[in-house]
């Protein structure tokens, strides 16, 4: 792994209670009931470390801090690690793809 290929995309499963938040609901008009709700992010850290930081309130997304349940590595492991620009693009592409599959998605 090269020095610059240490970025990761990651997906956090969110509690369905997040659907009570109007901003989340509005961002997901095509959500299919029963599908997972997720947060998609990118980081220069190991995804496990980043998830722990979210939950501890350190540079946290409020939906992950409040509703984050666990990482879903089966949705992202295949892509990691990668260079910064690739991770930025993959974060968006992954979020779009999951939303198209009916997931409730938040991507910061």
PDB file of N, CA and C in Angstrom:
ATOM      1  N   UNK A   1       0.859  -1.184   0.000  1.00  0.00           N
ATOM      2  CA  UNK A   1       0.000   0.000   0.000  1.00  0.00           C
ATOM      3  C   UNK A   1       0.888   1.223   0.000  1.00  0.00           C
ATOM      4  N   UNK A   2       0.664   2.098  -0.962  1.00  0.00           N
ATOM      5  CA  UNK A   2       1.437   3.324  -1.045  1.00  0.00           C
ATOM      6  C   UNK A   2       1.091   4.291   0.063  1.00  0.00           C
ATOM      7  N   UNK A   3       1.984   5.229   0.251  1.00  0.00           N
ATOM      8  CA  UNK A   3       1.828   6.233   1.300  1.00  0.00           C
ATOM      9  C   UNK A   3       0.518   7.004   1.178  1.00  0.00           C
ATOM     10  N   UNK A   4       0.075   7.200  -0.039  1.00  0.00           N
ATOM     11  CA  UNK A   4      -1.137   8.004  -0.267  1.00  0.00           C
ATOM     12  C   UNK A   4      -2.396   7.155  -0.414  1.00  0.00           C
ATOM     13  N   UNK A   5      -2.258   5.851  -0.325  1.00  0.00           N
ATOM     14  CA  UNK A   5      -3.420   4.975  -0.466  1.00  0.00           C
ATOM     15  C   UNK A   5      -3.864   4.451   0.894  1.00  0.00           C
ATOM     16  N   UNK A   6      -4.187   5.371   1.775  1.00  0.00           N
ATOM     17  CA  UNK A   6      -4.623   4.947   3.111  1.00  0.00           C
ATOM     18  C   UNK A   6      -6.009   5.482   3.458  1.00  0.00           C
ATOM     19  N   UNK A   7      -6.774   5.865   2.450  1.00  0.00           N
ATOM     20  CA  UNK A   7      -8.125   6.377   2.693  1.00  0.00           C
ATOM     21  C   UNK A   7      -9.136   5.257   2.505  1.00  0.00           C
ATOM     22  N   UNK A   8     -10.249   5.398   3.220  1.00  0.00           N
ATOM     23  CA  UNK A   8     -11.273   4.363   3.227  1.00  0.00           C
ATOM     24  C   UNK A   8     -12.654   4.993   3.109  1.00  0.00           C
ATOM     25  N   UNK A   9     -13.546   4.308   2.408  1.00  0.00           N
ATOM     26  CA  UNK A   9     -14.969   4.620   2.514  1.00  0.00           C
ATOM     27  C   UNK A   9     -15.522   3.650   3.551  1.00  0.00           C
ATOM     28  N   UNK A  10     -16.608   4.037   4.189  1.00  0.00           N
ATOM     29  CA  UNK A  10     -17.223   3.162   5.188  1.00  0.00           C
ATOM     30  C   UNK A  10     -18.711   3.426   5.237  1.00  0.00           C
ATOM     31  N   UNK A  11     -19.440   2.431   5.727  1.00  0.00           N
ATOM     32  CA  UNK A  11     -20.891   2.523   5.833  1.00  0.00           C
ATOM     33  C   UNK A  11     -21.285   2.116   7.250  1.00  0.00           C
ATOM     34  N   UNK A  12     -22.077   2.970   7.895  1.00  0.00           N
ATOM     35  CA  UNK A  12     -22.572   2.713   9.248  1.00  0.00           C
ATOM     36  C   UNK A  12     -24.074   2.462   9.170  1.00  0.00           C
ATOM     37  N   UNK A  13     -24.508   1.359   9.749  1.00  0.00           N
ATOM     38  CA  UNK A  13     -25.941   1.121   9.857  1.00  0.00           C
ATOM     39  C   UNK A  13     -26.508   2.047  10.923  1.00  0.00           C
ATOM     40  N   UNK A  14     -27.610   2.701  10.594  1.00  0.00           N
ATOM     41  CA  UNK A  14     -28.291   3.589  11.530  1.00  0.00           C
ATOM     42  C   UNK A  14     -29.594   2.944  11.988  1.00  0.00           C
ATOM     43  N   UNK A  15     -29.959   3.217  13.208  1.00  0.00           N
ATOM     44  CA  UNK A  15     -31.248   2.779  13.724  1.00  0.00           C
ATOM     45  C   UNK A  15     -32.355   3.388  12.868  1.00  0.00           C
ATOM     46  N   UNK A  16     -33.420   2.655  12.669  1.00  0.00           N
ATOM     47  CA  UNK A  16     -34.543   3.189  11.876  1.00  0.00           C
ATOM     48  C   UNK A  16     -35.213   4.381  12.566  1.00  0.00           C
ATOM     49  N   UNK A  17     -34.868   4.612  13.822  1.00  0.00           N
ATOM     50  CA  UNK A  17     -35.379   5.794  14.519  1.00  0.00           C
ATOM     51  C   UNK A  17     -34.954   7.074  13.810  1.00  0.00           C
ATOM     52  N   UNK A  18     -33.893   7.006  12.996  1.00  0.00           N
ATOM     53  CA  UNK A  18     -33.435   8.178  12.256  1.00  0.00           C
ATOM     54  C   UNK A  18     -34.508   8.664  11.271  1.00  0.00           C
ATOM     55  N   UNK A  19     -35.417   7.780  10.906  1.00  0.00           N
ATOM     56  CA  UNK A  19     -36.495   8.163   9.982  1.00  0.00           C
ATOM     57  C   UNK A  19     -37.452   9.179  10.596  1.00  0.00           C
ATOM     58  N   UNK A  20     -37.368   9.371  11.907  1.00  0.00           N
ATOM     59  CA  UNK A  20     -38.181  10.392  12.574  1.00  0.00           C
ATOM     60  C   UNK A  20     -37.615  11.791  12.351  1.00  0.00           C
ATOM     61  N   UNK A  21     -36.385  11.878  11.880  1.00  0.00           N
ATOM     62  CA  UNK A  21     -35.739  13.175  11.631  1.00  0.00           C
ATOM     63  C   UNK A  21     -36.155  13.670  10.250  1.00  0.00           C
ATOM     64  N   UNK A  22     -36.767  14.835  10.204  1.00  0.00           N
ATOM     65  CA  UNK A  22     -37.321  15.326   8.938  1.00  0.00           C
ATOM     66  C   UNK A  22     -36.251  15.539   7.866  1.00  0.00           C
ATOM     67  N   UNK A  23     -35.068  15.999   8.256  1.00  0.00           N
ATOM     68  CA  UNK A  23     -34.005  16.198   7.254  1.00  0.00           C
ATOM     69  C   UNK A  23     -33.592  14.872   6.617  1.00  0.00           C
ATOM     70  N   UNK A  24     -33.498  13.832   7.424  1.00  0.00           N
ATOM     71  CA  UNK A  24     -33.134  12.517   6.894  1.00  0.00           C
ATOM     72  C   UNK A  24     -34.237  12.009   5.967  1.00  0.00           C
ATOM     73  N   UNK A  25     -35.457  12.114   6.430  1.00  0.00           N
ATOM     74  CA  UNK A  25     -36.602  11.642   5.643  1.00  0.00           C
ATOM     75  C   UNK A  25     -36.703  12.405   4.315  1.00  0.00           C
ATOM     76  N   UNK A  26     -36.509  13.714   4.366  1.00  0.00           N
ATOM     77  CA  UNK A  26     -36.589  14.541   3.163  1.00  0.00           C
ATOM     78  C   UNK A  26     -35.490  14.189   2.161  1.00  0.00           C
ATOM     79  N   UNK A  27     -34.316  13.800   2.659  1.00  0.00           N
ATOM     80  CA  UNK A  27     -33.183  13.443   1.788  1.00  0.00           C
ATOM     81  C   UNK A  27     -33.369  12.076   1.138  1.00  0.00           C
ATOM     82  N   UNK A  28     -34.393  11.330   1.568  1.00  0.00           N
ATOM     83  CA  UNK A  28     -34.596   9.970   1.079  1.00  0.00           C
ATOM     84  C   UNK A  28     -36.038   9.724   0.647  1.00  0.00           C
ATOM     85  N   UNK A  29     -36.510  10.473  -0.351  1.00  0.00           N
ATOM     86  CA  UNK A  29     -37.920  10.339  -0.754  1.00  0.00           C
ATOM     87  C   UNK A  29     -38.250   8.965  -1.344  1.00  0.00           C
ATOM     88  N   UNK A  30     -37.250   8.243  -1.842  1.00  0.00           N
ATOM     89  CA  UNK A  30     -37.499   6.937  -2.457  1.00  0.00           C
ATOM     90  C   UNK A  30     -37.114   5.779  -1.541  1.00  0.00           C
ATOM     91  N   UNK A  31     -36.996   6.072  -0.240  1.00  0.00           N
ATOM     92  CA  UNK A  31     -36.664   5.018   0.726  1.00  0.00           C
ATOM     93  C   UNK A  31     -37.717   3.914   0.677  1.00  0.00           C
ATOM     94  N   UNK A  32     -37.234   2.679   0.646  1.00  0.00           N
ATOM     95  CA  UNK A  32     -38.126   1.516   0.648  1.00  0.00           C
ATOM     96  C   UNK A  32     -38.212   1.000   2.092  1.00  0.00           C
ATOM     97  N   UNK A  33     -39.403   1.072   2.700  1.00  0.00           N
ATOM     98  CA  UNK A  33     -39.542   0.600   4.076  1.00  0.00           C
ATOM     99  C   UNK A  33     -38.988  -0.818   4.250  1.00  0.00           C
ATOM    100  N   UNK A  34     -38.231  -0.992   5.317  1.00  0.00           N
ATOM    101  CA  UNK A  34     -37.612  -2.281   5.593  1.00  0.00           C
ATOM    102  C   UNK A  34     -36.146  -2.345   5.181  1.00  0.00           C
ATOM    103  N   UNK A  35     -35.739  -1.484   4.242  1.00  0.00           N
ATOM    104  CA  UNK A  35     -34.329  -1.424   3.845  1.00  0.00           C
ATOM    105  C   UNK A  35     -33.544  -0.731   4.966  1.00  0.00           C
ATOM    106  N   UNK A  36     -32.242  -1.004   5.062  1.00  0.00           N
ATOM    107  CA  UNK A  36     -31.434  -0.348   6.091  1.00  0.00           C
ATOM    108  C   UNK A  36     -31.317   1.162   5.879  1.00  0.00           C
ATOM    109  N   UNK A  37     -31.100   1.855   6.963  1.00  0.00           N
ATOM    110  CA  UNK A  37     -30.725   3.266   6.937  1.00  0.00           C
ATOM    111  C   UNK A  37     -29.238   3.301   7.245  1.00  0.00           C
ATOM    112  N   UNK A  38     -28.481   4.095   6.492  1.00  0.00           N
ATOM    113  CA  UNK A  38     -27.027   4.094   6.618  1.00  0.00           C
ATOM    114  C   UNK A  38     -26.442   5.489   6.506  1.00  0.00           C
ATOM    115  N   UNK A  39     -25.229   5.604   7.013  1.00  0.00           N
ATOM    116  CA  UNK A  39     -24.391   6.785   6.820  1.00  0.00           C
ATOM    117  C   UNK A  39     -23.201   6.320   5.995  1.00  0.00           C
ATOM    118  N   UNK A  40     -22.854   7.064   4.957  1.00  0.00           N
ATOM    119  CA  UNK A  40     -21.694   6.747   4.127  1.00  0.00           C
ATOM    120  C   UNK A  40     -20.666   7.854   4.328  1.00  0.00           C
ATOM    121  N   UNK A  41     -19.436   7.461   4.644  1.00  0.00           N
ATOM    122  CA  UNK A  41     -18.378   8.438   4.865  1.00  0.00           C
ATOM    123  C   UNK A  41     -17.062   7.981   4.277  1.00  0.00           C
ATOM    124  N   UNK A  42     -16.061   8.841   4.396  1.00  0.00           N
ATOM    125  CA  UNK A  42     -14.695   8.503   4.005  1.00  0.00           C
ATOM    126  C   UNK A  42     -13.757   9.000   5.071  1.00  0.00           C
ATOM    127  N   UNK A  43     -12.619   8.356   5.208  1.00  0.00           N
ATOM    128  CA  UNK A  43     -11.686   8.698   6.275  1.00  0.00           C
ATOM    129  C   UNK A  43     -10.273   8.267   5.921  1.00  0.00           C
ATOM    130  N   UNK A  44      -9.314   8.915   6.540  1.00  0.00           N
ATOM    131  CA  UNK A  44      -7.929   8.502   6.456  1.00  0.00           C
ATOM    132  C   UNK A  44      -7.570   7.543   7.576  1.00  0.00           C
ATOM    133  N   UNK A  45      -8.536   7.258   8.438  1.00  0.00           N
ATOM    134  CA  UNK A  45      -8.347   6.342   9.570  1.00  0.00           C
ATOM    135  C   UNK A  45      -8.913   4.976   9.223  1.00  0.00           C
ATOM    136  N   UNK A  46      -8.627   4.012  10.068  1.00  0.00           N
ATOM    137  CA  UNK A  46      -9.289   2.724   9.956  1.00  0.00           C
ATOM    138  C   UNK A  46     -10.783   2.966  10.236  1.00  0.00           C
ATOM    139  N   UNK A  47     -11.685   2.376   9.455  1.00  0.00           N
ATOM    140  CA  UNK A  47     -13.109   2.612   9.685  1.00  0.00           C
ATOM    141  C   UNK A  47     -13.577   2.318  11.114  1.00  0.00           C
ATOM    142  N   UNK A  48     -12.995   1.307  11.769  1.00  0.00           N
ATOM    143  CA  UNK A  48     -13.374   1.015  13.160  1.00  0.00           C
ATOM    144  C   UNK A  48     -13.029   2.176  14.083  1.00  0.00           C
ATOM    145  N   UNK A  49     -11.860   2.763  13.880  1.00  0.00           N
ATOM    146  CA  UNK A  49     -11.438   3.908  14.694  1.00  0.00           C
ATOM    147  C   UNK A  49     -12.345   5.097  14.417  1.00  0.00           C
ATOM    148  N   UNK A  50     -12.672   5.313  13.139  1.00  0.00           N
ATOM    149  CA  UNK A  50     -13.531   6.445  12.784  1.00  0.00           C
ATOM    150  C   UNK A  50     -14.922   6.288  13.401  1.00  0.00           C
ATOM    151  N   UNK A  51     -15.459   5.071  13.366  1.00  0.00           N
ATOM    152  CA  UNK A  51     -16.769   4.828  13.967  1.00  0.00           C
ATOM    153  C   UNK A  51     -16.737   5.135  15.463  1.00  0.00           C
ATOM    154  N   UNK A  52     -15.685   4.674  16.144  1.00  0.00           N
ATOM    155  CA  UNK A  52     -15.558   4.955  17.578  1.00  0.00           C
ATOM    156  C   UNK A  52     -15.509   6.454  17.857  1.00  0.00           C
ATOM    157  N   UNK A  53     -14.834   7.203  16.990  1.00  0.00           N
ATOM    158  CA  UNK A  53     -14.761   8.669  17.161  1.00  0.00           C
ATOM    159  C   UNK A  53     -16.147   9.297  16.979  1.00  0.00           C
ATOM    160  N   UNK A  54     -16.884   8.832  15.970  1.00  0.00           N
ATOM    161  CA  UNK A  54     -18.261   9.326  15.786  1.00  0.00           C
ATOM    162  C   UNK A  54     -19.062   9.123  17.072  1.00  0.00           C
ATOM    163  N   UNK A  55     -19.022   7.905  17.600  1.00  0.00           N
ATOM    164  CA  UNK A  55     -19.831   7.575  18.769  1.00  0.00           C
ATOM    165  C   UNK A  55     -19.396   8.365  20.005  1.00  0.00           C
ATOM    166  N   UNK A  56     -18.103   8.728  20.057  1.00  0.00           N
ATOM    167  CA  UNK A  56     -17.582   9.502  21.189  1.00  0.00           C
ATOM    168  C   UNK A  56     -17.818  11.003  21.009  1.00  0.00           C
ATOM    169  N   UNK A  57     -18.370  11.400  19.859  1.00  0.00           N
ATOM    170  CA  UNK A  57     -18.635  12.814  19.619  1.00  0.00           C
ATOM    171  C   UNK A  57     -17.431  13.585  19.114  1.00  0.00           C
ATOM    172  N   UNK A  58     -16.404  12.894  18.638  1.00  0.00           N
ATOM    173  CA  UNK A  58     -15.190  13.542  18.130  1.00  0.00           C
ATOM    174  C   UNK A  58     -15.315  13.676  16.617  1.00  0.00           C
ATOM    175  N   UNK A  59     -15.429  14.918  16.129  1.00  0.00           N
ATOM    176  CA  UNK A  59     -15.655  15.189  14.705  1.00  0.00           C
ATOM    177  C   UNK A  59     -16.757  14.280  14.172  1.00  0.00           C
ATOM    178  N   UNK A  60     -17.841  14.260  14.903  1.00  0.00           N
ATOM    179  CA  UNK A  60     -18.899  13.297  14.662  1.00  0.00           C
ATOM    180  C   UNK A  60     -20.013  13.851  13.792  1.00  0.00           C
ATOM    181  N   UNK A  61     -20.596  12.956  13.015  1.00  0.00           N
ATOM    182  CA  UNK A  61     -21.857  13.262  12.363  1.00  0.00           C
ATOM    183  C   UNK A  61     -22.946  12.976  13.388  1.00  0.00           C
ATOM    184  N   UNK A  62     -23.882  13.884  13.536  1.00  0.00           N
ATOM    185  CA  UNK A  62     -24.873  13.722  14.610  1.00  0.00           C
ATOM    186  C   UNK A  62     -25.748  12.490  14.420  1.00  0.00           C
ATOM    187  N   UNK A  63     -26.030  12.111  13.169  1.00  0.00           N
ATOM    188  CA  UNK A  63     -26.838  10.915  12.960  1.00  0.00           C
ATOM    189  C   UNK A  63     -26.079   9.662  13.384  1.00  0.00           C
ATOM    190  N   UNK A  64     -24.778   9.614  13.110  1.00  0.00           N
ATOM    191  CA  UNK A  64     -23.988   8.450  13.520  1.00  0.00           C
ATOM    192  C   UNK A  64     -23.860   8.429  15.043  1.00  0.00           C
ATOM    193  N   UNK A  65     -23.611   9.587  15.634  1.00  0.00           N
ATOM    194  CA  UNK A  65     -23.461   9.631  17.089  1.00  0.00           C
ATOM    195  C   UNK A  65     -24.737   9.158  17.788  1.00  0.00           C
ATOM    196  N   UNK A  66     -25.874   9.637  17.306  1.00  0.00           N
ATOM    197  CA  UNK A  66     -27.138   9.319  17.964  1.00  0.00           C
ATOM    198  C   UNK A  66     -27.733   7.976  17.542  1.00  0.00           C
ATOM    199  N   UNK A  67     -27.609   7.623  16.256  1.00  0.00           N
ATOM    200  CA  UNK A  67     -28.317   6.459  15.730  1.00  0.00           C
ATOM    201  C   UNK A  67     -27.415   5.341  15.210  1.00  0.00           C
ATOM    202  N   UNK A  68     -26.081   5.554  15.206  1.00  0.00           N
ATOM    203  CA  UNK A  68     -25.164   4.552  14.659  1.00  0.00           C
ATOM    204  C   UNK A  68     -25.185   3.250  15.439  1.00  0.00           C
ATOM    205  N   UNK A  69     -25.338   2.134  14.726  1.00  0.00           N
ATOM    206  CA  UNK A  69     -25.398   0.817  15.352  1.00  0.00           C
ATOM    207  C   UNK A  69     -24.104   0.037  15.156  1.00  0.00           C
ATOM    208  N   UNK A  70     -23.643  -0.030  13.910  1.00  0.00           N
ATOM    209  CA  UNK A  70     -22.452  -0.812  13.601  1.00  0.00           C
ATOM    210  C   UNK A  70     -21.994  -0.513  12.188  1.00  0.00           C
ATOM    211  N   UNK A  71     -20.764  -0.891  11.906  1.00  0.00           N
ATOM    212  CA  UNK A  71     -20.246  -0.794  10.543  1.00  0.00           C
ATOM    213  C   UNK A  71     -20.815  -1.937   9.712  1.00  0.00           C
ATOM    214  N   UNK A  72     -20.946  -1.691   8.411  1.00  0.00           N
ATOM    215  CA  UNK A  72     -21.406  -2.711   7.474  1.00  0.00           C
ATOM    216  C   UNK A  72     -20.296  -2.986   6.451  1.00  0.00           C
ATOM    217  N   UNK A  73     -19.221  -3.664   6.887  1.00  0.00           N
ATOM    218  CA  UNK A  73     -18.061  -3.842   6.016  1.00  0.00           C
ATOM    219  C   UNK A  73     -18.361  -4.568   4.713  1.00  0.00           C
ATOM    220  N   UNK A  74     -19.408  -5.375   4.690  1.00  0.00           N
ATOM    221  CA  UNK A  74     -19.741  -6.075   3.448  1.00  0.00           C
ATOM    222  C   UNK A  74     -20.111  -5.110   2.325  1.00  0.00           C
ATOM    223  N   UNK A  75     -20.436  -3.859   2.672  1.00  0.00           N
ATOM    224  CA  UNK A  75     -20.804  -2.863   1.662  1.00  0.00           C
ATOM    225  C   UNK A  75     -19.628  -2.002   1.199  1.00  0.00           C
ATOM    226  N   UNK A  76     -18.467  -2.104   1.872  1.00  0.00           N
ATOM    227  CA  UNK A  76     -17.369  -1.196   1.506  1.00  0.00           C
ATOM    228  C   UNK A  76     -15.982  -1.815   1.474  1.00  0.00           C
ATOM    229  N   UNK A  77     -15.763  -2.941   2.123  1.00  0.00           N
ATOM    230  CA  UNK A  77     -14.400  -3.487   2.241  1.00  0.00           C
ATOM    231  C   UNK A  77     -13.699  -3.676   0.905  1.00  0.00           C
ATOM    232  N   UNK A  78     -14.440  -4.054  -0.106  1.00  0.00           N
ATOM    233  CA  UNK A  78     -13.853  -4.344  -1.412  1.00  0.00           C
ATOM    234  C   UNK A  78     -13.144  -3.124  -2.021  1.00  0.00           C
ATOM    235  N   UNK A  79     -13.519  -1.919  -1.630  1.00  0.00           N
ATOM    236  CA  UNK A  79     -12.970  -0.700  -2.220  1.00  0.00           C
ATOM    237  C   UNK A  79     -11.702  -0.198  -1.525  1.00  0.00           C
ATOM    238  N   UNK A  80     -11.461  -0.613  -0.305  1.00  0.00           N
ATOM    239  CA  UNK A  80     -10.406  -0.017   0.530  1.00  0.00           C
ATOM    240  C   UNK A  80      -9.100  -0.794   0.480  1.00  0.00           C
ATOM    241  N   UNK A  81      -7.980  -0.130   0.709  1.00  0.00           N
ATOM    242  CA  UNK A  81      -7.752   1.314   0.790  1.00  0.00           C
ATOM    243  C   UNK A  81      -7.595   1.918  -0.610  1.00  0.00           C
ATOM    244  N   UNK A  82      -7.551   3.247  -0.661  1.00  0.00           N
ATOM    245  CA  UNK A  82      -7.444   3.948  -1.945  1.00  0.00           C
ATOM    246  C   UNK A  82      -6.885   5.344  -1.721  1.00  0.00           C
ATOM    247  N   UNK A  83      -6.470   6.011  -2.797  1.00  0.00           N
ATOM    248  CA  UNK A  83      -6.000   7.397  -2.673  1.00  0.00           C
ATOM    249  C   UNK A  83      -7.151   8.333  -2.285  1.00  0.00           C
ATOM    250  N   UNK A  84      -6.802   9.500  -1.789  1.00  0.00           N
ATOM    251  CA  UNK A  84      -7.770  10.480  -1.300  1.00  0.00           C
ATOM    252  C   UNK A  84      -8.859  10.802  -2.327  1.00  0.00           C
ATOM    253  N   UNK A  85      -8.460  11.184  -3.539  1.00  0.00           N
ATOM    254  CA  UNK A  85      -9.457  11.583  -4.552  1.00  0.00           C
ATOM    255  C   UNK A  85     -10.388  10.423  -4.899  1.00  0.00           C
ATOM    256  N   UNK A  86      -9.842   9.225  -4.972  1.00  0.00           N
ATOM    257  CA  UNK A  86     -10.674   8.060  -5.260  1.00  0.00           C
ATOM    258  C   UNK A  86     -11.686   7.829  -4.134  1.00  0.00           C
ATOM    259  N   UNK A  87     -11.257   8.024  -2.899  1.00  0.00           N
ATOM    260  CA  UNK A  87     -12.161   7.856  -1.759  1.00  0.00           C
ATOM    261  C   UNK A  87     -13.267   8.907  -1.781  1.00  0.00           C
ATOM    262  N   UNK A  88     -12.907  10.132  -2.121  1.00  0.00           N
ATOM    263  CA  UNK A  88     -13.934  11.190  -2.216  1.00  0.00           C
ATOM    264  C   UNK A  88     -14.993  10.832  -3.235  1.00  0.00           C
ATOM    265  N   UNK A  89     -14.551  10.359  -4.389  1.00  0.00           N
ATOM    266  CA  UNK A  89     -15.493   9.976  -5.446  1.00  0.00           C
ATOM    267  C   UNK A  89     -16.302   8.742  -5.052  1.00  0.00           C
ATOM    268  N   UNK A  90     -15.635   7.757  -4.463  1.00  0.00           N
ATOM    269  CA  UNK A  90     -16.324   6.517  -4.096  1.00  0.00           C
ATOM    270  C   UNK A  90     -17.370   6.759  -3.016  1.00  0.00           C
ATOM    271  N   UNK A  91     -17.106   7.697  -2.110  1.00  0.00           N
ATOM    272  CA  UNK A  91     -18.096   8.027  -1.074  1.00  0.00           C
ATOM    273  C   UNK A  91     -19.410   8.455  -1.727  1.00  0.00           C
ATOM    274  N   UNK A  92     -19.323   9.320  -2.717  1.00  0.00           N
ATOM    275  CA  UNK A  92     -20.516   9.815  -3.407  1.00  0.00           C
ATOM    276  C   UNK A  92     -21.174   8.698  -4.207  1.00  0.00           C
ATOM    277  N   UNK A  93     -20.361   7.943  -4.949  1.00  0.00           N
ATOM    278  CA  UNK A  93     -20.905   6.869  -5.777  1.00  0.00           C
ATOM    279  C   UNK A  93     -21.585   5.788  -4.932  1.00  0.00           C
ATOM    280  N   UNK A  94     -20.968   5.440  -3.832  1.00  0.00           N
ATOM    281  CA  UNK A  94     -21.533   4.423  -2.951  1.00  0.00           C
ATOM    282  C   UNK A  94     -22.869   4.899  -2.367  1.00  0.00           C
ATOM    283  N   UNK A  95     -22.915   6.156  -1.933  1.00  0.00           N
ATOM    284  CA  UNK A  95     -24.157   6.716  -1.390  1.00  0.00           C
ATOM    285  C   UNK A  95     -25.261   6.720  -2.452  1.00  0.00           C
ATOM    286  N   UNK A  96     -24.931   7.123  -3.657  1.00  0.00           N
ATOM    287  CA  UNK A  96     -25.920   7.144  -4.749  1.00  0.00           C
ATOM    288  C   UNK A  96     -26.419   5.735  -5.040  1.00  0.00           C
ATOM    289  N   UNK A  97     -25.499   4.781  -5.116  1.00  0.00           N
ATOM    290  CA  UNK A  97     -25.872   3.404  -5.409  1.00  0.00           C
ATOM    291  C   UNK A  97     -26.789   2.808  -4.352  1.00  0.00           C
ATOM    292  N   UNK A  98     -26.475   3.059  -3.083  1.00  0.00           N
ATOM    293  CA  UNK A  98     -27.320   2.538  -2.005  1.00  0.00           C
ATOM    294  C   UNK A  98     -28.691   3.206  -2.011  1.00  0.00           C
ATOM    295  N   UNK A  99     -28.712   4.504  -2.270  1.00  0.00           N
ATOM    296  CA  UNK A  99     -29.997   5.215  -2.342  1.00  0.00           C
ATOM    297  C   UNK A  99     -30.845   4.657  -3.489  1.00  0.00           C
ATOM    298  N   UNK A 100     -30.201   4.355  -4.621  1.00  0.00           N
ATOM    299  CA  UNK A 100     -30.930   3.784  -5.763  1.00  0.00           C
ATOM    300  C   UNK A 100     -31.506   2.411  -5.429  1.00  0.00           C
ATOM    301  N   UNK A 101     -30.873   1.694  -4.482  1.00  0.00           N
ATOM    302  CA  UNK A 101     -31.369   0.385  -4.059  1.00  0.00           C
ATOM    303  C   UNK A 101     -32.465   0.501  -2.997  1.00  0.00           C
ATOM    304  N   UNK A 102     -32.812   1.740  -2.619  1.00  0.00           N
ATOM    305  CA  UNK A 102     -33.890   1.948  -1.666  1.00  0.00           C
ATOM    306  C   UNK A 102     -33.459   2.141  -0.229  1.00  0.00           C
ATOM    307  N   UNK A 103     -32.142   2.170   0.010  1.00  0.00           N
ATOM    308  CA  UNK A 103     -31.645   2.433   1.366  1.00  0.00           C
ATOM    309  C   UNK A 103     -31.956   3.878   1.757  1.00  0.00           C
ATOM    310  N   UNK A 104     -32.086   4.114   3.046  1.00  0.00           N
ATOM    311  CA  UNK A 104     -32.113   5.476   3.567  1.00  0.00           C
ATOM    312  C   UNK A 104     -30.654   5.861   3.781  1.00  0.00           C
ATOM    313  N   UNK A 105     -30.183   6.932   3.128  1.00  0.00           N
ATOM    314  CA  UNK A 105     -28.760   7.257   3.134  1.00  0.00           C
ATOM    315  C   UNK A 105     -28.519   8.695   3.582  1.00  0.00           C
ATOM    316  N   UNK A 106     -27.544   8.851   4.477  1.00  0.00           N
ATOM    317  CA  UNK A 106     -27.028  10.171   4.823  1.00  0.00           C
ATOM    318  C   UNK A 106     -25.553  10.183   4.470  1.00  0.00           C
ATOM    319  N   UNK A 107     -25.145  11.203   3.748  1.00  0.00           N
ATOM    320  CA  UNK A 107     -23.749  11.323   3.346  1.00  0.00           C
ATOM    321  C   UNK A 107     -23.362  12.771   3.549  1.00  0.00           C
ATOM    322  N   UNK A 108     -22.338  13.002   4.388  1.00  0.00           N
ATOM    323  CA  UNK A 108     -21.977  14.378   4.757  1.00  0.00           C
ATOM    324  C   UNK A 108     -21.128  15.049   3.698  1.00  0.00           C
TER     325      UNK A 108
END
